[in-house]
Amino acid sequence: MTTAQTVERRTLLTRALDTIERVGNKVPHPAIIFLGLIGLIIVLSAVFSLLGTEVTFEQAVLGQDDLETVTVAAKSLLDADGIRFLFTSTVSNFNGFGVVGVVVVAMIGVGLAEEAGLISAFIKRLVKVTPARFITLIVVFLGVMSSIATDAGYLVLIPLAGAVYVSLGRNPLAGIAAAFAGVGGGFGVNLLITPSDGMLAEITNEAIADPTQHVSITGNMYFSIVSTIVVTIVATLVSEKFVEPRLGPWNPADAPEDEAATAPASNDLTPEEQRGLRWAGWGLLGVTAFVLLLSLPPWGPLRNPETGSLIEGSPLMGSIIFLILLFFFVMGLAYGKGAGTIKNSADVINPMVKTIAGLAGLIFLLLIISQFIAYFNYSNLGTIAAVNMADALEHANLGTVPLILGLIAMTAVIDIFIGGVVPKWAIFAPIFVPLFIQLGISPNLAVAAYRVGDSPVNIVTPLMPYFALIVIFAERYKRKIGVGSIISLMLPYTVALLVAWTALLVGWYLLGLPLGPGGASIYL
């Protein structure tokens, strides 16, 4: 391909993304979009209910050994029961929407650390010791690794990446995009065992009819480790070769007046900042020692009280959001005392109040989103669509490679509408796990294919709970940025990750490589 052809191809791609951005940003405020979607779901639920639409399938249930046969019918939101649900569930829908509490609780500690000056001082130190050419790679890698702490990457790393890029004189939207690609696009893999690994393994075992077959929590470990490296490299290349050049230089005048930020004149730390960082380091060590004391001993209260595990079902993994609050609160307080930015109790309380006040717009949007998700789940339309697509794939009599590709594609499509790792796999596992076994293929390969399809779409679907938060972070650096801007920003990552990751899995299968330790072979 000639240079001219390459430039032309990039120009066409850039124009396509620009069109997506323009169209996406012309749609109304996200709250209005979700109100419209609520109206659409209400109408569709009534239509499919009148048509008597239903599906019957076997579903894996966490904590149970046998599969459960379930019949799910479309439920109307316009009949008597549906209307009662509409009128009585608003508060419970919002209370049950975990993202709200997660964001508020975690951001209290982060807000104190930011207002005290810890974040800016840490960025200066990071920029000072890290070669600039490795910043994107590190941001993406930390994003992928953040899945060990569930939602921490969305709340901490993504806004931090934007600030790091500002300090380097680079476009902060590129930093946000790179971090989002790592956190969301690579959520399904890690170098370490994550909570989702245990849940996927348990659901898979419940879907295996043969009691002699079994998958372990480490069944995808080798593939996950290599995938972590591949996702990091691909997302880094997309960031530096396409996304950041397309964004161009950042103009601080584009930021809202109350969020105006510029690159610091110098990344040298003042004596006060150096002392604050030392104090914050002691705070970090103190909290870490305290948490380890509660976790490492056999009697540790943060272990699973029944199994003693520190991963599966443990209070430690269930307290990640509180730990984010605790770590950032203590480190922010210690930094503020050391640097002299915190002098009294008002200097502690006011930043936290300011942080919550700044989340008001997001909290309102999450109120609307929580209603949409509740109504969508009540209607059963998502489950019906997922089961019908899975049944169609099951009866297509495909070979192993087409089946892998079909599972990846179907998971990616359904992920637009149904988020979360567990809900989709609970539906898919009883269908696809037996299919893979019939072909003489390990269920571990089905899990690997599901991972590949589940993560990359997270970063382009507005229905993903944290998508609205990403828009809020981006608005710090560019006025009037909208859903279309974020989708066009992240779409190259989604396409590149799906293609590269799928190629990795297909190649892995064709080579017959083990997916994990302990005999986790491709073949039965």
Protein backbone atom coordinates (compact mmCIF):
# COMPACT_ATOMS: atom_id res chain seq x y z
CA MET A 1 0.00 0.00 0.00
CA THR A 2 1.40 3.41 -0.98
CA THR A 3 1.72 6.33 1.37
CA ALA A 4 -1.04 8.15 -0.53
CA GLN A 5 -3.39 5.19 -0.12
CA THR A 6 -2.60 5.01 3.60
CA VAL A 7 -3.31 8.72 4.03
CA GLU A 8 -6.55 8.34 2.07
CA ARG A 9 -7.65 5.42 4.23
CA ARG A 10 -6.90 7.39 7.41
CA THR A 11 -8.77 10.36 5.99
CA LEU A 12 -11.84 8.24 5.27
CA LEU A 13 -11.70 6.71 8.76
CA THR A 14 -11.26 10.12 10.35
CA ARG A 15 -14.21 11.48 8.39
CA ALA A 16 -16.35 8.54 9.48
CA LEU A 17 -15.47 9.09 13.13
CA ASP A 18 -16.05 12.83 12.78
CA THR A 19 -19.50 12.06 11.38
CA ILE A 20 -20.26 9.76 14.31
CA GLU A 21 -19.13 12.50 16.68
CA ARG A 22 -21.24 15.19 15.02
CA VAL A 23 -24.35 13.04 14.87
CA GLY A 24 -23.86 11.75 18.40
CA ASN A 25 -23.35 15.24 19.83
CA LYS A 26 -26.48 16.57 18.10
CA VAL A 27 -28.69 14.21 20.04
CA PRO A 28 -30.24 15.67 23.20
CA HIS A 29 -28.77 15.54 26.67
CA PRO A 30 -28.14 11.95 27.82
CA ALA A 31 -30.95 12.29 30.37
CA ILE A 32 -33.36 13.05 27.52
CA ILE A 33 -31.99 10.11 25.52
CA PHE A 34 -32.64 7.71 28.39
CA LEU A 35 -36.12 9.14 28.94
CA GLY A 36 -36.79 8.41 25.27
CA LEU A 37 -35.43 4.88 25.67
CA ILE A 38 -37.69 4.39 28.68
CA GLY A 39 -40.67 5.33 26.52
CA LEU A 40 -39.51 2.91 23.81
CA ILE A 41 -39.10 0.04 26.29
CA ILE A 42 -42.56 0.67 27.69
CA VAL A 43 -44.10 0.46 24.22
CA LEU A 44 -42.06 -2.59 23.12
CA SER A 45 -42.84 -4.42 26.35
CA ALA A 46 -46.56 -4.02 25.69
CA VAL A 47 -46.24 -5.11 22.05
CA PHE A 48 -44.22 -8.28 22.74
CA SER A 49 -46.41 -9.13 25.71
CA LEU A 50 -49.51 -8.96 23.50
CA LEU A 51 -47.74 -11.24 21.01
CA GLY A 52 -47.16 -13.78 23.78
CA THR A 53 -43.37 -13.77 23.28
CA GLU A 54 -41.52 -16.12 25.61
CA VAL A 55 -38.42 -18.35 25.77
CA THR A 56 -37.57 -21.47 27.78
CA PHE A 57 -33.97 -22.26 28.62
CA GLU A 58 -31.69 -23.80 31.22
CA GLN A 59 -29.85 -21.32 33.40
CA ALA A 60 -26.89 -21.70 35.71
CA VAL A 61 -27.48 -20.34 39.20
CA LEU A 62 -24.62 -19.38 41.49
CA GLY A 63 -24.50 -21.62 44.54
CA GLN A 64 -26.60 -24.42 43.03
CA ASP A 65 -25.31 -27.68 41.53
CA ASP A 66 -28.13 -28.26 39.05
CA LEU A 67 -29.27 -26.19 36.13
CA GLU A 68 -32.59 -24.44 36.51
CA THR A 69 -35.18 -24.63 33.70
CA VAL A 70 -36.66 -21.18 33.29
CA THR A 71 -39.48 -19.85 31.12
CA VAL A 72 -39.30 -16.12 30.59
CA ALA A 73 -42.14 -14.18 28.96
CA ALA A 74 -42.23 -10.58 27.86
CA LYS A 75 -43.86 -8.51 30.59
CA SER A 76 -45.83 -5.41 29.73
CA LEU A 77 -45.21 -2.18 31.54
CA LEU A 78 -48.67 -0.99 30.51
CA ASP A 79 -50.81 -3.69 32.14
CA ALA A 80 -51.96 -3.44 35.76
CA ASP A 81 -48.82 -5.06 37.23
CA GLY A 82 -46.54 -3.01 34.98
CA ILE A 83 -48.20 0.25 35.90
CA ARG A 84 -47.93 -0.62 39.58
CA PHE A 85 -44.22 -1.31 39.03
CA LEU A 86 -43.74 2.04 37.28
CA PHE A 87 -45.41 3.92 40.12
CA THR A 88 -43.90 2.11 43.10
CA SER A 89 -40.35 1.17 42.11
CA THR A 90 -38.67 4.53 41.43
CA VAL A 91 -36.96 4.84 44.82
CA SER A 92 -36.02 1.16 45.07
CA ASN A 93 -34.65 1.24 41.52
CA PHE A 94 -32.36 4.13 42.45
CA ASN A 95 -31.41 2.64 45.83
CA GLY A 96 -30.56 -0.67 44.17
CA PHE A 97 -28.38 0.93 41.50
CA GLY A 98 -24.98 0.22 43.02
CA VAL A 99 -23.05 2.64 40.82
CA VAL A 100 -24.43 5.63 42.73
CA GLY A 101 -23.05 4.55 46.09
CA VAL A 102 -19.79 3.37 44.54
CA VAL A 103 -19.13 6.74 42.89
CA VAL A 104 -20.09 8.88 45.89
CA VAL A 105 -18.19 6.82 48.48
CA ALA A 106 -15.00 6.46 46.45
CA MET A 107 -14.91 10.05 45.23
CA ILE A 108 -15.10 11.45 48.78
CA GLY A 109 -11.60 10.21 49.51
CA VAL A 110 -10.31 11.06 46.04
CA GLY A 111 -11.81 14.56 46.34
CA LEU A 112 -9.98 15.25 49.59
CA ALA A 113 -6.69 14.01 48.11
CA GLU A 114 -7.18 16.20 45.03
CA GLU A 115 -8.08 19.37 46.94
CA ALA A 116 -5.22 18.86 49.38
CA GLY A 117 -2.78 18.77 46.47
CA LEU A 118 -1.75 15.11 46.69
CA ILE A 119 -2.87 14.25 43.16
CA SER A 120 -1.00 17.12 41.50
CA ALA A 121 2.15 16.43 43.53
CA PHE A 122 1.96 12.73 42.70
CA ILE A 123 1.61 13.56 39.01
CA LYS A 124 4.70 15.75 39.18
CA ARG A 125 6.64 12.91 40.77
CA LEU A 126 5.31 10.40 38.24
CA VAL A 127 6.19 12.62 35.28
CA LYS A 128 9.63 13.25 36.74
CA VAL A 129 10.58 9.57 37.05
CA THR A 130 8.75 8.09 34.03
CA PRO A 131 10.05 8.49 30.46
CA ALA A 132 7.39 10.34 28.47
CA ARG A 133 7.37 7.71 25.72
CA PHE A 134 6.16 5.08 28.20
CA ILE A 135 3.30 7.07 29.76
CA THR A 136 0.58 5.74 27.44
CA LEU A 137 1.79 2.16 27.85
CA ILE A 138 1.78 2.49 31.64
CA VAL A 139 -1.68 4.11 31.71
CA VAL A 140 -3.21 1.35 29.57
CA PHE A 141 -1.45 -1.43 31.50
CA LEU A 142 -2.60 -0.06 34.87
CA GLY A 143 -6.10 0.20 33.42
CA VAL A 144 -6.13 -3.48 32.49
CA MET A 145 -4.67 -4.47 35.85
CA SER A 146 -7.25 -2.37 37.74
CA SER A 147 -9.88 -5.10 37.23
CA ILE A 148 -8.38 -6.83 40.28
CA ALA A 149 -10.02 -4.00 42.26
CA THR A 150 -13.32 -4.11 40.32
CA ASP A 151 -14.45 -0.49 39.72
CA ALA A 152 -11.38 1.32 41.06
CA GLY A 153 -9.97 2.03 37.60
CA TYR A 154 -13.05 3.94 36.48
CA LEU A 155 -13.05 6.12 39.58
CA VAL A 156 -9.34 6.79 40.06
CA LEU A 157 -7.17 5.97 37.06
CA ILE A 158 -9.22 7.59 34.29
CA PRO A 159 -9.38 11.11 35.77
CA LEU A 160 -5.76 10.75 36.91
CA ALA A 161 -4.67 9.92 33.36
CA GLY A 162 -6.27 13.12 32.06
CA ALA A 163 -4.38 15.16 34.64
CA VAL A 164 -1.10 13.40 33.81
CA TYR A 165 -1.47 14.27 30.14
CA VAL A 166 -2.14 17.92 31.01
CA SER A 167 1.06 18.03 33.03
CA LEU A 168 2.93 16.71 29.99
CA GLY A 169 1.39 19.29 27.67
CA ARG A 170 -0.54 16.55 25.85
CA ASN A 171 -4.24 16.34 25.11
CA PRO A 172 -5.97 15.12 28.31
CA LEU A 173 -8.77 13.52 26.29
CA ALA A 174 -6.15 11.15 24.88
CA GLY A 175 -5.17 10.20 28.42
CA ILE A 176 -8.78 9.59 29.39
CA ALA A 177 -9.29 7.50 26.26
CA ALA A 178 -6.18 5.38 26.87
CA ALA A 179 -7.14 4.73 30.49
CA PHE A 180 -10.76 3.96 29.56
CA ALA A 181 -9.56 1.52 26.90
CA GLY A 182 -7.48 -0.32 29.48
CA VAL A 183 -10.03 -0.27 32.29
CA GLY A 184 -13.14 -1.09 30.26
CA GLY A 185 -11.80 -2.67 27.08
CA GLY A 186 -9.48 -5.04 28.94
CA PHE A 187 -11.70 -5.67 31.96
CA GLY A 188 -12.00 -9.41 31.31
CA VAL A 189 -8.29 -10.26 31.69
CA ASN A 190 -5.47 -9.70 34.14
CA LEU A 191 -2.07 -11.01 35.15
CA LEU A 192 -3.65 -12.05 38.44
CA ILE A 193 -6.79 -13.92 39.49
CA THR A 194 -9.75 -11.52 39.76
CA PRO A 195 -13.18 -11.85 41.39
CA SER A 196 -14.82 -12.34 37.99
CA ASP A 197 -12.63 -15.41 37.34
CA GLY A 198 -14.23 -17.20 40.26
CA MET A 199 -17.77 -16.31 39.20
CA LEU A 200 -17.19 -17.41 35.59
CA ALA A 201 -15.67 -20.71 36.71
CA GLU A 202 -18.55 -21.45 39.07
CA ILE A 203 -21.21 -20.71 36.45
CA THR A 204 -19.33 -22.82 33.89
CA ASN A 205 -19.13 -25.80 36.23
CA GLU A 206 -22.85 -25.57 36.91
CA ALA A 207 -23.47 -25.68 33.15
CA ILE A 208 -21.42 -28.88 32.67
CA ALA A 209 -23.71 -31.90 32.68
CA ASP A 210 -20.86 -34.43 33.03
CA PRO A 211 -19.77 -34.59 36.71
CA THR A 212 -16.30 -35.80 35.62
CA GLN A 213 -15.67 -32.48 33.85
CA HIS A 214 -14.57 -29.45 35.81
CA VAL A 215 -12.96 -26.07 35.15
CA SER A 216 -10.88 -24.26 37.75
CA ILE A 217 -10.54 -20.60 38.57
CA THR A 218 -7.14 -20.69 36.82
CA GLY A 219 -8.51 -22.34 33.67
CA ASN A 220 -7.87 -19.25 31.53
CA MET A 221 -4.77 -17.98 33.32
CA TYR A 222 -2.22 -18.45 30.50
CA PHE A 223 -4.58 -16.96 27.95
CA SER A 224 -5.44 -14.11 30.33
CA ILE A 225 -1.77 -13.25 30.90
CA VAL A 226 -0.99 -13.14 27.18
CA SER A 227 -4.23 -11.26 26.52
CA THR A 228 -3.22 -8.62 29.07
CA ILE A 229 -0.03 -8.01 27.12
CA VAL A 230 -1.82 -7.98 23.75
CA VAL A 231 -4.58 -5.62 24.96
CA THR A 232 -1.98 -3.27 26.42
CA ILE A 233 0.07 -3.16 23.22
CA VAL A 234 -2.92 -2.80 20.89
CA ALA A 235 -4.58 -0.06 22.93
CA THR A 236 -1.25 1.79 23.25
CA LEU A 237 -0.68 1.69 19.50
CA VAL A 238 -4.23 2.87 18.78
CA SER A 239 -3.75 5.73 21.24
CA GLU A 240 -0.42 6.96 19.93
CA LYS A 241 -0.83 6.24 16.22
CA PHE A 242 -4.42 7.29 15.71
CA VAL A 243 -6.45 8.68 18.62
CA GLU A 244 -4.04 11.31 19.92
CA PRO A 245 -3.01 12.56 16.44
CA ARG A 246 -6.70 12.84 15.53
CA LEU A 247 -7.42 14.88 18.66
CA GLY A 248 -4.50 17.22 18.02
CA PRO A 249 -3.01 19.59 20.61
CA TRP A 250 -5.18 20.57 23.54
CA ASN A 251 -6.18 24.21 23.96
CA PRO A 252 -6.80 25.08 27.64
CA ALA A 253 -9.32 27.66 26.44
CA ASP A 254 -11.57 24.73 25.45
CA ALA A 255 -12.09 23.85 29.11
CA PRO A 256 -14.99 25.34 31.10
CA GLU A 257 -13.95 28.41 33.07
CA ASP A 258 -14.48 26.70 36.43
CA GLU A 259 -12.39 23.71 35.27
CA ALA A 260 -9.61 25.60 33.50
CA ALA A 261 -6.31 23.81 33.79
CA THR A 262 -2.95 24.28 32.18
CA ALA A 263 0.29 22.39 32.20
CA PRO A 264 2.41 23.44 35.18
CA ALA A 265 5.29 25.77 34.44
CA SER A 266 7.57 23.26 36.12
CA ASN A 267 7.25 19.67 37.23
CA ASP A 268 9.75 20.27 40.05
CA LEU A 269 8.35 19.60 43.50
CA THR A 270 8.45 22.36 46.11
CA PRO A 271 9.84 21.53 49.58
CA GLU A 272 6.28 21.58 50.94
CA GLU A 273 5.12 19.12 48.26
CA GLN A 274 8.07 16.84 48.93
CA ARG A 275 7.29 16.81 52.65
CA GLY A 276 3.61 16.20 51.90
CA LEU A 277 4.44 13.22 49.70
CA ARG A 278 6.65 11.75 52.42
CA TRP A 279 3.82 12.07 54.93
CA ALA A 280 1.38 10.58 52.41
CA GLY A 281 3.79 7.68 51.93
CA TRP A 282 3.78 7.02 55.67
CA GLY A 283 0.00 7.18 55.59
CA LEU A 284 -0.04 4.65 52.76
CA LEU A 285 2.24 2.30 54.66
CA GLY A 286 0.14 2.63 57.81
CA VAL A 287 -3.17 1.82 56.09
CA THR A 288 -1.55 -1.00 54.11
CA ALA A 289 -0.16 -2.56 57.30
CA PHE A 290 -3.57 -2.25 58.95
CA VAL A 291 -5.36 -3.95 56.05
CA LEU A 292 -2.73 -6.71 55.84
CA LEU A 293 -3.12 -7.33 59.57
CA LEU A 294 -6.83 -7.90 59.01
CA SER A 295 -6.25 -10.06 55.93
CA LEU A 296 -3.14 -12.24 56.08
CA PRO A 297 -3.52 -14.15 59.36
CA PRO A 298 -5.71 -17.28 59.21
CA TRP A 299 -8.09 -15.58 61.66
CA GLY A 300 -8.21 -12.38 59.60
CA PRO A 301 -11.74 -10.92 59.56
CA LEU A 302 -11.30 -9.88 55.92
CA ARG A 303 -10.99 -13.51 54.82
CA ASN A 304 -13.97 -15.55 53.67
CA PRO A 305 -15.29 -16.84 57.04
CA GLU A 306 -16.22 -20.22 55.52
CA THR A 307 -13.35 -21.00 53.14
CA GLY A 308 -10.59 -18.69 54.37
CA SER A 309 -10.09 -17.37 50.84
CA LEU A 310 -8.85 -13.84 50.24
CA ILE A 311 -10.41 -13.77 46.76
CA GLU A 312 -13.63 -15.72 46.38
CA GLY A 313 -16.45 -14.32 48.50
CA SER A 314 -14.07 -12.54 50.88
CA PRO A 315 -14.89 -9.32 52.74
CA LEU A 316 -11.56 -8.00 51.43
CA MET A 317 -12.77 -8.11 47.83
CA GLY A 318 -16.17 -6.82 48.90
CA SER A 319 -14.63 -3.77 50.57
CA ILE A 320 -12.63 -2.42 47.61
CA ILE A 321 -14.65 0.81 47.37
CA PHE A 322 -14.35 1.46 51.11
CA LEU A 323 -10.61 0.79 50.85
CA ILE A 324 -10.35 3.39 48.07
CA LEU A 325 -12.05 5.87 50.41
CA LEU A 326 -9.81 4.88 53.32
CA PHE A 327 -6.51 4.97 51.41
CA PHE A 328 -7.16 8.29 49.68
CA PHE A 329 -8.63 9.89 52.82
CA VAL A 330 -5.63 8.97 54.99
CA MET A 331 -3.08 9.81 52.30
CA GLY A 332 -4.83 13.09 51.45
CA LEU A 333 -5.04 14.06 55.11
CA ALA A 334 -1.39 13.15 55.72
CA TYR A 335 -0.27 15.05 52.63
CA GLY A 336 -2.31 18.09 53.58
CA LYS A 337 -0.80 18.17 57.07
CA GLY A 338 2.71 17.70 55.73
CA ALA A 339 2.38 20.26 52.92
CA GLY A 340 0.43 22.73 55.04
CA THR A 341 -2.67 22.72 52.80
CA ILE A 342 -4.88 21.33 55.61
CA LYS A 343 -4.90 23.45 58.76
CA ASN A 344 -8.25 22.73 60.39
CA SER A 345 -11.33 20.51 60.18
CA ALA A 346 -12.99 22.79 57.63
CA ASP A 347 -10.13 22.07 55.23
CA VAL A 348 -11.10 18.40 55.49
CA ILE A 349 -14.89 18.67 55.31
CA ASN A 350 -15.21 21.34 52.61
CA PRO A 351 -13.34 19.41 49.87
CA MET A 352 -15.54 16.37 50.43
CA VAL A 353 -18.71 18.47 50.29
CA LYS A 354 -17.42 20.16 47.14
CA THR A 355 -16.74 16.77 45.56
CA ILE A 356 -20.27 15.52 46.21
CA ALA A 357 -21.73 18.81 44.93
CA GLY A 358 -19.74 18.36 41.73
CA LEU A 359 -21.37 14.97 41.23
CA ALA A 360 -24.90 16.40 41.27
CA GLY A 361 -25.35 16.29 37.49
CA LEU A 362 -24.06 12.71 37.34
CA ILE A 363 -26.29 11.60 40.21
CA PHE A 364 -29.35 13.02 38.41
CA LEU A 365 -28.38 11.18 35.23
CA LEU A 366 -27.84 7.96 37.16
CA LEU A 367 -31.35 8.37 38.60
CA ILE A 368 -32.74 8.27 35.05
CA ILE A 369 -30.44 5.42 33.97
CA SER A 370 -31.42 3.34 37.00
CA GLN A 371 -35.08 3.57 35.94
CA PHE A 372 -34.29 2.56 32.37
CA ILE A 373 -32.29 -0.49 33.47
CA ALA A 374 -35.00 -1.53 35.93
CA TYR A 375 -37.75 -1.22 33.30
CA PHE A 376 -35.65 -3.05 30.71
CA ASN A 377 -34.98 -5.90 33.14
CA TYR A 378 -38.64 -6.04 34.18
CA SER A 379 -39.75 -6.40 30.56
CA ASN A 380 -37.43 -9.42 30.01
CA LEU A 381 -36.72 -8.18 26.47
CA GLY A 382 -32.94 -8.44 26.89
CA THR A 383 -33.12 -12.03 28.11
CA ILE A 384 -35.48 -13.01 25.27
CA ALA A 385 -33.16 -11.47 22.67
CA ALA A 386 -30.07 -13.15 24.16
CA VAL A 387 -31.67 -16.60 24.33
CA ASN A 388 -33.03 -16.39 20.78
CA MET A 389 -29.61 -15.38 19.42
CA ALA A 390 -27.92 -18.19 21.36
CA ASP A 391 -30.47 -20.75 20.15
CA ALA A 392 -29.94 -19.66 16.54
CA LEU A 393 -26.21 -20.13 16.93
CA GLU A 394 -26.73 -23.51 18.62
CA HIS A 395 -28.83 -24.86 15.74
CA ALA A 396 -26.47 -23.56 13.04
CA ASN A 397 -24.29 -26.73 13.31
CA LEU A 398 -21.08 -24.73 13.17
CA GLY A 399 -17.52 -26.00 13.43
CA THR A 400 -15.28 -24.95 16.31
CA VAL A 401 -13.78 -21.80 14.75
CA PRO A 402 -17.14 -20.46 13.47
CA LEU A 403 -18.62 -21.27 16.89
CA ILE A 404 -15.86 -19.28 18.60
CA LEU A 405 -16.44 -16.36 16.24
CA GLY A 406 -20.20 -16.61 16.72
CA LEU A 407 -19.95 -16.59 20.52
CA ILE A 408 -17.61 -13.60 20.44
CA ALA A 409 -19.86 -11.67 18.04
CA MET A 410 -23.06 -12.47 19.94
CA THR A 411 -21.51 -11.54 23.29
CA ALA A 412 -20.31 -8.21 21.84
CA VAL A 413 -23.78 -7.39 20.48
CA ILE A 414 -25.63 -8.33 23.67
CA ASP A 415 -23.07 -6.40 25.76
CA ILE A 416 -24.44 -3.20 24.21
CA PHE A 417 -27.68 -3.78 26.09
CA ILE A 418 -26.86 -6.07 29.02
CA GLY A 419 -23.84 -5.11 31.09
CA GLY A 420 -22.01 -7.12 33.71
CA VAL A 421 -19.95 -10.29 33.40
CA VAL A 422 -22.27 -12.66 35.27
CA PRO A 423 -25.79 -12.04 33.85
CA LYS A 424 -24.91 -12.82 30.23
CA TRP A 425 -22.76 -15.86 31.04
CA ALA A 426 -25.49 -17.29 33.28
CA ILE A 427 -27.68 -17.37 30.15
CA PHE A 428 -25.01 -18.36 27.61
CA ALA A 429 -23.10 -21.01 29.59
CA PRO A 430 -25.83 -23.71 29.63
CA ILE A 431 -26.12 -23.34 25.83
CA PHE A 432 -22.51 -22.98 24.71
CA VAL A 433 -20.64 -25.10 27.24
CA PRO A 434 -22.41 -28.33 26.11
CA LEU A 435 -21.85 -27.32 22.47
CA PHE A 436 -18.10 -27.03 23.01
CA ILE A 437 -18.04 -30.34 24.91
CA GLN A 438 -19.90 -32.07 22.04
CA LEU A 439 -17.12 -30.89 19.73
CA GLY A 440 -14.50 -32.33 22.08
CA ILE A 441 -13.42 -28.85 23.14
CA SER A 442 -12.79 -27.76 26.73
CA PRO A 443 -15.37 -25.43 28.32
CA ASN A 444 -12.37 -23.23 29.15
CA LEU A 445 -12.31 -22.21 25.50
CA ALA A 446 -15.93 -21.09 25.72
CA VAL A 447 -15.05 -18.95 28.72
CA ALA A 448 -12.09 -17.46 26.83
CA ALA A 449 -14.31 -16.61 23.84
CA TYR A 450 -16.83 -15.00 26.17
CA ARG A 451 -14.08 -12.84 27.71
CA VAL A 452 -13.00 -11.65 24.27
CA GLY A 453 -16.51 -10.57 23.29
CA ASP A 454 -17.51 -9.11 26.64
CA SER A 455 -14.92 -6.37 27.26
CA PRO A 456 -14.20 -4.26 24.13
CA VAL A 457 -17.79 -3.09 23.67
CA ASN A 458 -17.91 -1.74 27.25
CA ILE A 459 -16.19 1.44 26.10
CA VAL A 460 -18.65 2.41 23.34
CA THR A 461 -22.06 1.62 24.82
CA PRO A 462 -23.81 4.53 26.59
CA LEU A 463 -25.77 1.93 28.56
CA MET A 464 -22.62 0.99 30.48
CA PRO A 465 -23.17 2.52 33.96
CA TYR A 466 -19.81 4.33 34.06
CA PHE A 467 -20.11 5.79 30.56
CA ALA A 468 -21.81 8.90 31.93
CA LEU A 469 -18.95 9.33 34.41
CA ILE A 470 -16.44 9.29 31.55
CA VAL A 471 -18.38 12.11 29.87
CA ILE A 472 -18.19 14.07 33.14
CA PHE A 473 -14.42 13.57 33.31
CA ALA A 474 -14.02 14.68 29.68
CA GLU A 475 -16.09 17.81 30.29
CA ARG A 476 -13.34 19.06 32.59
CA TYR A 477 -11.20 19.66 29.52
CA LYS A 478 -13.65 20.40 26.71
CA ARG A 479 -16.91 22.29 26.76
CA LYS A 480 -19.97 20.71 25.13
CA ILE A 481 -18.38 17.32 24.73
CA GLY A 482 -21.08 14.70 24.40
CA VAL A 483 -21.88 11.04 24.02
CA GLY A 484 -20.99 11.14 20.31
CA SER A 485 -17.52 12.48 21.09
CA ILE A 486 -16.77 9.66 23.51
CA ILE A 487 -18.12 6.97 21.19
CA SER A 488 -16.07 8.25 18.24
CA LEU A 489 -13.04 8.53 20.53
CA MET A 490 -13.33 4.94 21.75
CA LEU A 491 -14.61 3.15 18.64
CA PRO A 492 -11.11 2.59 17.15
CA TYR A 493 -10.11 0.82 20.37
CA THR A 494 -13.18 -1.44 20.24
CA VAL A 495 -12.58 -2.46 16.63
CA ALA A 496 -8.83 -3.00 17.10
CA LEU A 497 -9.27 -4.97 20.33
CA LEU A 498 -11.99 -7.21 18.90
CA VAL A 499 -9.94 -7.99 15.79
CA ALA A 500 -6.58 -8.56 17.54
CA TRP A 501 -8.05 -10.42 20.50
CA THR A 502 -10.19 -12.67 18.31
CA ALA A 503 -7.17 -13.47 16.13
CA LEU A 504 -5.19 -14.34 19.28
CA LEU A 505 -7.87 -16.76 20.50
CA VAL A 506 -8.35 -18.44 17.12
CA GLY A 507 -4.59 -18.81 16.74
CA TRP A 508 -4.38 -20.17 20.29
CA TYR A 509 -7.00 -22.81 19.43
CA LEU A 510 -5.38 -23.78 16.12
CA LEU A 511 -2.02 -24.23 17.87
CA GLY A 512 -3.65 -26.30 20.61
CA LEU A 513 -2.00 -24.33 23.40
CA PRO A 514 -3.17 -24.89 27.00
CA LEU A 515 -5.37 -22.09 28.31
CA GLY A 516 -4.20 -22.41 31.89
CA PRO A 517 -2.25 -24.53 34.40
CA GLY A 518 -3.39 -27.82 35.84
CA GLY A 519 -4.28 -29.49 32.57
CA ALA A 520 -6.48 -26.70 31.21
CA SER A 521 -6.09 -28.04 27.66
CA ILE A 522 -7.98 -26.84 24.61
CA TYR A 523 -9.20 -30.39 23.99
CA LEU A 524 -11.02 -32.76 26.31
